[in-house]
């Protein structure tokens, strides 16, 4: 009888324990920490929300602005840099199997300045 009276208490205690084990917010993506700052870098807008910028280590990086502007013009020539951008590159958010992912140089960028060349 005593066990039956304590069952709701243990049920509530178990529910509180399970809800406290929820996954914390990741410190990545547009709302996450900055891992690299770009200042007045030549960029080429290739469409579909992606800029390509030169990089000394990887050759080039793909950057995806947090806020995409539909008025940006796509560069038709691979050798023409049509924008100068500045911004904060955010930490990369790994997928469900991060151990299978290759290192990723680009990612989401919070643009602080953009100029058409």
C-alpha atoms as a PDB file:
ATOM      1  CA  UNK A   1       0.000   0.000   0.000  1.00  0.00           C
ATOM      2  CA  UNK A   2       2.789   2.374   0.878  1.00  0.00           C
ATOM      3  CA  UNK A   3       4.467   1.671  -2.488  1.00  0.00           C
ATOM      4  CA  UNK A   4       1.272   2.630  -4.327  1.00  0.00           C
ATOM      5  CA  UNK A   5       1.118   5.972  -2.510  1.00  0.00           C
ATOM      6  CA  UNK A   6       4.777   6.710  -3.326  1.00  0.00           C
ATOM      7  CA  UNK A   7       4.429   5.766  -7.023  1.00  0.00           C
ATOM      8  CA  UNK A   8       3.303   9.267  -8.143  1.00  0.00           C
ATOM      9  CA  UNK A   9       6.264  10.768  -6.292  1.00  0.00           C
ATOM     10  CA  UNK A  10       8.723   8.425  -8.008  1.00  0.00           C
ATOM     11  CA  UNK A  11       7.027   9.045 -11.370  1.00  0.00           C
ATOM     12  CA  UNK A  12       7.437  12.810 -11.009  1.00  0.00           C
ATOM     13  CA  UNK A  13      11.029  12.350  -9.861  1.00  0.00           C
ATOM     14  CA  UNK A  14      11.777  10.149 -12.894  1.00  0.00           C
ATOM     15  CA  UNK A  15      10.155  12.684 -15.253  1.00  0.00           C
ATOM     16  CA  UNK A  16      12.273  15.494 -13.810  1.00  0.00           C
ATOM     17  CA  UNK A  17      15.420  13.417 -14.181  1.00  0.00           C
ATOM     18  CA  UNK A  18      14.692  12.514 -17.811  1.00  0.00           C
ATOM     19  CA  UNK A  19      13.849  16.078 -18.807  1.00  0.00           C
ATOM     20  CA  UNK A  20      17.076  17.384 -17.255  1.00  0.00           C
ATOM     21  CA  UNK A  21      19.093  15.133 -19.596  1.00  0.00           C
ATOM     22  CA  UNK A  22      18.053  17.043 -22.710  1.00  0.00           C
ATOM     23  CA  UNK A  23      20.808  18.004 -25.138  1.00  0.00           C
ATOM     24  CA  UNK A  24      22.307  21.434 -24.542  1.00  0.00           C
ATOM     25  CA  UNK A  25      22.275  24.032 -27.295  1.00  0.00           C
ATOM     26  CA  UNK A  26      25.323  23.703 -29.515  1.00  0.00           C
ATOM     27  CA  UNK A  27      27.732  26.614 -29.734  1.00  0.00           C
ATOM     28  CA  UNK A  28      27.804  26.625 -33.527  1.00  0.00           C
ATOM     29  CA  UNK A  29      26.092  28.013 -36.603  1.00  0.00           C
ATOM     30  CA  UNK A  30      24.795  31.568 -36.912  1.00  0.00           C
ATOM     31  CA  UNK A  31      24.070  31.840 -33.177  1.00  0.00           C
ATOM     32  CA  UNK A  32      27.363  30.265 -32.117  1.00  0.00           C
ATOM     33  CA  UNK A  33      30.835  31.546 -31.392  1.00  0.00           C
ATOM     34  CA  UNK A  34      33.091  33.138 -33.981  1.00  0.00           C
ATOM     35  CA  UNK A  35      36.083  31.040 -35.023  1.00  0.00           C
ATOM     36  CA  UNK A  36      37.580  33.335 -37.667  1.00  0.00           C
ATOM     37  CA  UNK A  37      37.164  36.962 -38.731  1.00  0.00           C
ATOM     38  CA  UNK A  38      37.320  38.074 -42.355  1.00  0.00           C
ATOM     39  CA  UNK A  39      38.149  41.714 -43.163  1.00  0.00           C
ATOM     40  CA  UNK A  40      37.719  43.075 -46.707  1.00  0.00           C
ATOM     41  CA  UNK A  41      38.226  39.741 -48.462  1.00  0.00           C
ATOM     42  CA  UNK A  42      37.612  39.326 -52.186  1.00  0.00           C
ATOM     43  CA  UNK A  43      34.651  37.029 -52.755  1.00  0.00           C
ATOM     44  CA  UNK A  44      32.681  35.561 -55.628  1.00  0.00           C
ATOM     45  CA  UNK A  45      28.955  34.992 -55.205  1.00  0.00           C
ATOM     46  CA  UNK A  46      28.135  31.715 -56.949  1.00  0.00           C
ATOM     47  CA  UNK A  47      24.429  31.677 -56.116  1.00  0.00           C
ATOM     48  CA  UNK A  48      22.220  29.582 -53.853  1.00  0.00           C
ATOM     49  CA  UNK A  49      23.455  31.503 -50.801  1.00  0.00           C
ATOM     50  CA  UNK A  50      27.153  30.719 -51.205  1.00  0.00           C
ATOM     51  CA  UNK A  51      30.245  32.901 -51.491  1.00  0.00           C
ATOM     52  CA  UNK A  52      33.655  31.538 -52.455  1.00  0.00           C
ATOM     53  CA  UNK A  53      36.717  33.270 -50.988  1.00  0.00           C
ATOM     54  CA  UNK A  54      40.416  32.546 -51.551  1.00  0.00           C
ATOM     55  CA  UNK A  55      42.269  30.766 -48.748  1.00  0.00           C
ATOM     56  CA  UNK A  56      46.005  30.136 -48.419  1.00  0.00           C
ATOM     57  CA  UNK A  57      45.554  26.684 -46.872  1.00  0.00           C
ATOM     58  CA  UNK A  58      42.579  25.167 -48.719  1.00  0.00           C
ATOM     59  CA  UNK A  59      42.733  27.151 -51.961  1.00  0.00           C
ATOM     60  CA  UNK A  60      39.224  28.493 -51.408  1.00  0.00           C
ATOM     61  CA  UNK A  61      36.473  28.398 -48.793  1.00  0.00           C
ATOM     62  CA  UNK A  62      32.714  28.157 -49.222  1.00  0.00           C
ATOM     63  CA  UNK A  63      30.886  30.622 -46.990  1.00  0.00           C
ATOM     64  CA  UNK A  64      27.138  30.608 -46.412  1.00  0.00           C
ATOM     65  CA  UNK A  65      25.796  33.935 -45.099  1.00  0.00           C
ATOM     66  CA  UNK A  66      23.332  33.745 -42.229  1.00  0.00           C
ATOM     67  CA  UNK A  67      21.152  36.311 -44.012  1.00  0.00           C
ATOM     68  CA  UNK A  68      20.959  35.928 -47.790  1.00  0.00           C
ATOM     69  CA  UNK A  69      20.083  38.912 -49.974  1.00  0.00           C
ATOM     70  CA  UNK A  70      18.252  38.107 -53.200  1.00  0.00           C
ATOM     71  CA  UNK A  71      19.801  41.142 -54.944  1.00  0.00           C
ATOM     72  CA  UNK A  72      23.337  39.717 -54.896  1.00  0.00           C
ATOM     73  CA  UNK A  73      24.618  39.113 -58.407  1.00  0.00           C
ATOM     74  CA  UNK A  74      26.045  35.758 -59.400  1.00  0.00           C
ATOM     75  CA  UNK A  75      29.569  35.852 -60.832  1.00  0.00           C
ATOM     76  CA  UNK A  76      29.540  34.076 -64.185  1.00  0.00           C
ATOM     77  CA  UNK A  77      33.343  33.988 -64.422  1.00  0.00           C
ATOM     78  CA  UNK A  78      35.317  31.748 -62.059  1.00  0.00           C
ATOM     79  CA  UNK A  79      38.223  34.197 -62.111  1.00  0.00           C
ATOM     80  CA  UNK A  80      36.222  37.323 -61.269  1.00  0.00           C
ATOM     81  CA  UNK A  81      35.762  38.411 -57.672  1.00  0.00           C
ATOM     82  CA  UNK A  82      32.581  40.481 -57.667  1.00  0.00           C
ATOM     83  CA  UNK A  83      32.298  41.379 -53.958  1.00  0.00           C
ATOM     84  CA  UNK A  84      34.424  42.414 -51.005  1.00  0.00           C
ATOM     85  CA  UNK A  85      33.112  41.002 -47.743  1.00  0.00           C
ATOM     86  CA  UNK A  86      33.834  41.221 -44.047  1.00  0.00           C
ATOM     87  CA  UNK A  87      32.278  39.027 -41.422  1.00  0.00           C
ATOM     88  CA  UNK A  88      32.472  36.539 -38.586  1.00  0.00           C
ATOM     89  CA  UNK A  89      32.864  32.894 -39.568  1.00  0.00           C
ATOM     90  CA  UNK A  90      30.920  30.822 -37.059  1.00  0.00           C
ATOM     91  CA  UNK A  91      31.829  27.452 -35.606  1.00  0.00           C
ATOM     92  CA  UNK A  92      30.796  24.505 -37.753  1.00  0.00           C
ATOM     93  CA  UNK A  93      27.857  22.371 -36.569  1.00  0.00           C
ATOM     94  CA  UNK A  94      28.739  18.698 -36.993  1.00  0.00           C
ATOM     95  CA  UNK A  95      26.130  16.311 -38.335  1.00  0.00           C
ATOM     96  CA  UNK A  96      24.786  13.194 -36.633  1.00  0.00           C
ATOM     97  CA  UNK A  97      28.027  11.249 -37.334  1.00  0.00           C
ATOM     98  CA  UNK A  98      30.863  13.749 -36.781  1.00  0.00           C
ATOM     99  CA  UNK A  99      33.463  10.971 -36.733  1.00  0.00           C
ATOM    100  CA  UNK A 100      32.736  10.325 -40.439  1.00  0.00           C
ATOM    101  CA  UNK A 101      33.046  13.968 -41.535  1.00  0.00           C
ATOM    102  CA  UNK A 102      36.109  15.504 -43.138  1.00  0.00           C
ATOM    103  CA  UNK A 103      37.507  18.749 -41.690  1.00  0.00           C
ATOM    104  CA  UNK A 104      35.501  21.671 -43.001  1.00  0.00           C
ATOM    105  CA  UNK A 105      37.084  25.068 -43.625  1.00  0.00           C
ATOM    106  CA  UNK A 106      34.040  27.139 -44.552  1.00  0.00           C
ATOM    107  CA  UNK A 107      30.632  27.415 -42.997  1.00  0.00           C
ATOM    108  CA  UNK A 108      28.101  29.960 -41.848  1.00  0.00           C
ATOM    109  CA  UNK A 109      29.219  33.576 -41.837  1.00  0.00           C
ATOM    110  CA  UNK A 110      27.619  36.588 -40.232  1.00  0.00           C
ATOM    111  CA  UNK A 111      28.362  39.363 -42.727  1.00  0.00           C
ATOM    112  CA  UNK A 112      29.306  42.711 -41.214  1.00  0.00           C
ATOM    113  CA  UNK A 113      30.062  44.463 -44.520  1.00  0.00           C
ATOM    114  CA  UNK A 114      29.578  43.690 -48.198  1.00  0.00           C
ATOM    115  CA  UNK A 115      30.538  45.823 -51.211  1.00  0.00           C
ATOM    116  CA  UNK A 116      29.948  45.190 -54.888  1.00  0.00           C
ATOM    117  CA  UNK A 117      33.194  45.516 -56.894  1.00  0.00           C
END
